[in-house]
């Protein structure tokens, strides 16, 4: 559908109102509205001379663990400062009105912080560390941007690493399978703030379109799938999602 739809929010709300279960796919755009730089924009200041590939690979961590750890601590501090926004909160509110599953490419943990419960974090979670040897995990409670020394596993003593997906690594099987199962159950799909260029996560959007389920895209900029979705809302998540949920709140639940 083109951007010529005179009432895309109302059209989207009608599709969502008719759905029993909704899959919400989110990308960096929704968190950028909290002032959190996207992955490739996170190379500023002291980090401007490094590319993401210099900081987000197993090889980079093996060569320079202190550098990589410090970069992730800095990113955690940015996330803590930015916090949830109206888009995150609206998705959580939608979950109180309909059965909603969130599959996100973001590692910031902001969907859970906003109150969403059913979530697949396709690229991991920056607030969790994982042991490179025994896979034990531990959660962060606070961001410490000045801490450069990596943590060590309490179970086996090996070095911990951020529990995120680095270049060259596979997506976590459990999260990807959960997202695929949610897509199979979904009656409608919301695609929010993602460029739809990063695979295999983008394959979920392709599959949703091919399945003929209603697909609603919320993104200020057109993407490679904008021409194929049922409704395109050319607006920010923090503006469009609260408006959509407000309309849905007036509609009775389907089933």
Protein backbone atom coordinates (compact mmCIF):
# COMPACT_ATOMS: atom_id res chain seq x y z
CA UNK A 1 0.00 0.00 0.00
CA UNK A 2 1.22 3.52 -0.74
CA UNK A 3 1.47 6.43 1.67
CA UNK A 4 -1.75 7.79 0.09
CA UNK A 5 -4.00 6.00 2.59
CA UNK A 6 -5.90 8.96 4.13
CA UNK A 7 -6.38 7.27 7.50
CA UNK A 8 -3.63 4.69 7.95
CA UNK A 9 -3.91 4.68 11.75
CA UNK A 10 -7.62 3.84 11.60
CA UNK A 11 -7.02 1.21 8.94
CA UNK A 12 -4.29 -0.34 11.09
CA UNK A 13 -6.45 -0.23 14.21
CA UNK A 14 -9.24 -2.06 12.38
CA UNK A 15 -6.86 -4.84 11.33
CA UNK A 16 -5.43 -5.18 14.83
CA UNK A 17 -8.90 -5.11 16.40
CA UNK A 18 -9.89 -8.09 14.27
CA UNK A 19 -6.84 -10.08 15.40
CA UNK A 20 -6.73 -12.54 18.29
CA UNK A 21 -2.93 -12.62 18.42
CA UNK A 22 -0.44 -10.04 17.18
CA UNK A 23 3.26 -10.34 16.44
CA UNK A 24 5.20 -7.10 16.90
CA UNK A 25 8.61 -7.00 15.20
CA UNK A 26 10.81 -4.10 16.32
CA UNK A 27 14.15 -2.69 15.27
CA UNK A 28 16.54 0.09 16.20
CA UNK A 29 14.18 2.87 15.15
CA UNK A 30 11.92 2.52 18.17
CA UNK A 31 14.81 2.89 20.62
CA UNK A 32 16.43 5.69 18.62
CA UNK A 33 13.47 7.77 19.76
CA UNK A 34 14.82 7.44 23.31
CA UNK A 35 18.05 9.06 22.15
CA UNK A 36 19.82 5.70 21.94
CA UNK A 37 22.06 5.57 18.87
CA UNK A 38 21.55 2.74 16.45
CA UNK A 39 24.26 0.11 16.34
CA UNK A 40 26.21 1.81 13.56
CA UNK A 41 25.66 5.27 15.03
CA UNK A 42 27.26 4.20 18.32
CA UNK A 43 30.70 5.08 16.98
CA UNK A 44 31.06 8.63 18.31
CA UNK A 45 33.54 10.46 20.49
CA UNK A 46 36.27 8.11 21.66
CA UNK A 47 34.75 5.31 19.59
CA UNK A 48 34.66 7.18 16.27
CA UNK A 49 37.83 5.52 15.00
CA UNK A 50 36.38 2.03 15.39
CA UNK A 51 33.83 0.31 13.18
CA UNK A 52 31.22 -2.01 14.72
CA UNK A 53 33.15 -4.88 13.19
CA UNK A 54 36.14 -3.82 15.32
CA UNK A 55 34.08 -4.12 18.50
CA UNK A 56 31.37 -6.70 17.93
CA UNK A 57 33.06 -9.92 16.87
CA UNK A 58 34.42 -12.86 18.84
CA UNK A 59 37.83 -12.11 17.32
CA UNK A 60 37.77 -8.49 18.51
CA UNK A 61 36.89 -9.62 22.03
CA UNK A 62 39.67 -12.19 22.02
CA UNK A 63 42.21 -9.58 20.92
CA UNK A 64 41.05 -6.61 22.98
CA UNK A 65 38.58 -7.69 25.70
CA UNK A 66 39.02 -4.48 27.72
CA UNK A 67 38.22 -2.31 24.70
CA UNK A 68 35.13 -4.30 23.78
CA UNK A 69 33.93 -4.45 27.40
CA UNK A 70 34.37 -0.69 27.79
CA UNK A 71 32.35 -0.03 24.63
CA UNK A 72 29.47 -2.15 25.88
CA UNK A 73 29.58 -0.47 29.29
CA UNK A 74 29.36 2.88 27.50
CA UNK A 75 26.37 1.67 25.47
CA UNK A 76 24.66 0.41 28.64
CA UNK A 77 25.01 3.87 30.14
CA UNK A 78 23.39 5.43 27.05
CA UNK A 79 20.48 3.01 27.31
CA UNK A 80 20.02 3.66 31.03
CA UNK A 81 19.97 7.39 30.37
CA UNK A 82 17.52 7.11 27.47
CA UNK A 83 14.99 4.72 28.99
CA UNK A 84 11.65 3.63 27.58
CA UNK A 85 9.57 5.90 25.38
CA UNK A 86 5.92 6.17 24.38
CA UNK A 87 6.38 3.56 21.66
CA UNK A 88 7.66 0.92 24.08
CA UNK A 89 4.87 1.74 26.52
CA UNK A 90 2.21 1.56 23.82
CA UNK A 91 3.32 -1.94 22.83
CA UNK A 92 3.07 -3.00 26.47
CA UNK A 93 -0.40 -1.45 26.65
CA UNK A 94 -1.37 -3.31 23.50
CA UNK A 95 -0.42 -6.49 25.34
CA UNK A 96 -3.06 -5.70 27.94
CA UNK A 97 -5.72 -5.50 25.22
CA UNK A 98 -4.72 -8.36 22.92
CA UNK A 99 -2.39 -11.36 22.95
CA UNK A 100 0.90 -9.85 21.84
CA UNK A 101 4.31 -11.37 21.21
CA UNK A 102 7.27 -9.04 20.69
CA UNK A 103 10.25 -10.15 18.59
CA UNK A 104 12.95 -7.51 18.74
CA UNK A 105 16.31 -7.01 17.09
CA UNK A 106 17.22 -4.59 19.88
CA UNK A 107 19.49 -5.64 22.73
CA UNK A 108 18.54 -2.81 25.10
CA UNK A 109 15.89 -4.62 27.17
CA UNK A 110 13.49 -1.68 26.92
CA UNK A 111 10.45 -3.74 25.92
CA UNK A 112 10.66 -5.67 29.19
CA UNK A 113 11.33 -2.45 31.09
CA UNK A 114 8.14 -0.98 29.59
CA UNK A 115 6.09 -3.96 30.75
CA UNK A 116 5.88 -6.29 27.75
CA UNK A 117 6.02 -9.91 28.85
CA UNK A 118 6.18 -12.24 25.86
CA UNK A 119 9.44 -11.24 24.18
CA UNK A 120 12.03 -12.89 21.94
CA UNK A 121 15.31 -10.97 21.93
CA UNK A 122 16.69 -12.09 18.59
CA UNK A 123 20.08 -10.43 19.05
CA UNK A 124 20.43 -11.04 22.78
CA UNK A 125 20.41 -8.63 25.73
CA UNK A 126 23.12 -6.13 26.56
CA UNK A 127 22.13 -6.25 30.25
CA UNK A 128 23.15 -9.89 30.50
CA UNK A 129 26.63 -11.42 30.37
CA UNK A 130 27.42 -14.97 29.33
CA UNK A 131 30.41 -17.12 30.13
CA UNK A 132 32.41 -17.97 27.03
CA UNK A 133 33.24 -21.38 28.48
CA UNK A 134 30.25 -22.77 30.37
CA UNK A 135 27.43 -20.48 29.10
CA UNK A 136 26.44 -19.38 32.62
CA UNK A 137 24.67 -16.01 32.56
CA UNK A 138 24.46 -13.10 34.97
CA UNK A 139 22.36 -9.93 34.78
CA UNK A 140 23.58 -6.37 35.15
CA UNK A 141 21.78 -4.15 37.65
CA UNK A 142 23.53 -0.86 36.85
CA UNK A 143 25.65 0.57 34.05
CA UNK A 144 29.25 1.37 34.94
CA UNK A 145 30.66 3.19 31.90
CA UNK A 146 34.13 3.62 33.42
CA UNK A 147 34.60 -0.10 34.07
CA UNK A 148 36.97 -1.53 31.45
CA UNK A 149 37.85 -4.87 33.02
CA UNK A 150 35.67 -7.80 31.89
CA UNK A 151 33.87 -9.81 34.53
CA UNK A 152 34.75 -13.43 35.24
CA UNK A 153 32.42 -16.38 35.65
CA UNK A 154 31.62 -17.29 39.24
CA UNK A 155 31.06 -20.90 38.20
CA UNK A 156 34.20 -21.69 36.21
CA UNK A 157 36.38 -18.58 36.31
CA UNK A 158 36.41 -17.96 32.55
CA UNK A 159 35.91 -14.51 31.07
CA UNK A 160 32.34 -13.29 30.63
CA UNK A 161 31.13 -11.56 27.47
CA UNK A 162 28.01 -9.54 26.61
CA UNK A 163 25.17 -11.95 25.84
CA UNK A 164 24.54 -10.42 22.43
CA UNK A 165 24.88 -11.72 18.89
CA UNK A 166 28.13 -10.64 17.28
CA UNK A 167 29.03 -10.59 13.60
CA UNK A 168 29.51 -14.12 12.36
CA UNK A 169 27.40 -15.68 15.13
CA UNK A 170 24.08 -17.46 14.85
CA UNK A 171 20.92 -16.05 16.37
CA UNK A 172 19.85 -17.79 19.58
CA UNK A 173 17.82 -20.80 18.49
CA UNK A 174 15.24 -20.53 21.25
CA UNK A 175 14.47 -16.87 20.51
CA UNK A 176 14.23 -17.42 16.76
CA UNK A 177 11.98 -20.45 17.15
CA UNK A 178 9.75 -18.54 19.56
CA UNK A 179 9.40 -15.72 17.03
CA UNK A 180 8.64 -18.16 14.21
CA UNK A 181 6.00 -19.87 16.37
CA UNK A 182 4.46 -16.50 17.21
CA UNK A 183 4.30 -15.66 13.51
CA UNK A 184 2.54 -18.95 12.80
CA UNK A 185 -0.09 -18.09 15.42
CA UNK A 186 -0.44 -14.40 14.58
CA UNK A 187 -3.49 -12.92 12.90
CA UNK A 188 -1.69 -9.60 12.27
CA UNK A 189 1.89 -8.36 12.27
CA UNK A 190 3.22 -4.94 13.28
CA UNK A 191 6.67 -4.06 11.92
CA UNK A 192 8.09 -1.12 13.86
CA UNK A 193 11.28 0.85 13.35
CA UNK A 194 13.24 -1.70 11.37
CA UNK A 195 14.95 -1.34 8.02
CA UNK A 196 14.08 -4.95 7.15
CA UNK A 197 17.61 -5.47 5.85
CA UNK A 198 19.16 -7.55 8.64
CA UNK A 199 18.72 -11.29 8.15
CA UNK A 200 17.61 -13.73 9.37
CA UNK A 201 15.34 -11.41 11.40
CA UNK A 202 14.09 -9.72 8.23
CA UNK A 203 12.98 -13.13 6.97
CA UNK A 204 10.16 -12.98 9.52
CA UNK A 205 8.77 -9.92 7.74
CA UNK A 206 9.12 -11.62 4.36
CA UNK A 207 7.31 -14.68 5.69
CA UNK A 208 4.51 -12.56 7.15
CA UNK A 209 3.95 -10.83 3.81
CA UNK A 210 4.03 -14.10 1.89
CA UNK A 211 1.53 -15.67 4.29
CA UNK A 212 -1.08 -13.03 3.43
CA UNK A 213 -1.46 -12.01 7.07
CA UNK A 214 -2.19 -8.29 7.51
CA UNK A 215 1.17 -6.51 7.89
CA UNK A 216 1.36 -2.97 9.25
CA UNK A 217 4.61 -1.03 8.94
CA UNK A 218 5.41 1.93 11.20
CA UNK A 219 8.50 3.77 10.05
CA UNK A 220 9.15 7.42 9.12
CA UNK A 221 11.20 6.25 6.14
CA UNK A 222 10.17 3.76 3.46
CA UNK A 223 11.88 0.38 3.48
CA UNK A 224 12.33 -2.42 1.01
CA UNK A 225 8.98 -3.96 2.01
CA UNK A 226 6.90 -0.78 2.23
CA UNK A 227 5.30 -1.46 -1.14
CA UNK A 228 4.15 -4.91 -0.03
CA UNK A 229 2.58 -4.23 3.38
CA UNK A 230 -1.14 -3.75 3.94
CA UNK A 231 -0.79 -0.47 5.82
CA UNK A 232 2.19 1.84 5.96
CA UNK A 233 2.24 4.52 8.67
CA UNK A 234 4.94 7.07 7.84
CA UNK A 235 5.43 8.24 11.40
CA UNK A 236 7.53 7.56 14.47
CA UNK A 237 6.69 4.71 16.80
CA UNK A 238 6.25 7.06 19.76
CA UNK A 239 3.61 8.98 17.83
CA UNK A 240 1.84 6.27 15.83
CA UNK A 241 1.64 3.46 18.40
CA UNK A 242 -0.10 5.42 21.19
CA UNK A 243 -2.62 6.69 18.62
CA UNK A 244 -3.25 3.15 17.37
CA UNK A 245 -3.68 1.76 20.89
CA UNK A 246 -6.05 4.59 21.80
CA UNK A 247 -8.30 3.60 18.89
CA UNK A 248 -8.02 -0.08 19.75
CA UNK A 249 -8.96 0.62 23.36
CA UNK A 250 -12.35 1.69 22.04
CA UNK A 251 -12.86 -1.57 20.15
CA UNK A 252 -14.06 -4.85 21.72
CA UNK A 253 -11.59 -7.73 21.88
CA UNK A 254 -11.97 -10.40 19.20
CA UNK A 255 -12.32 -13.71 20.94
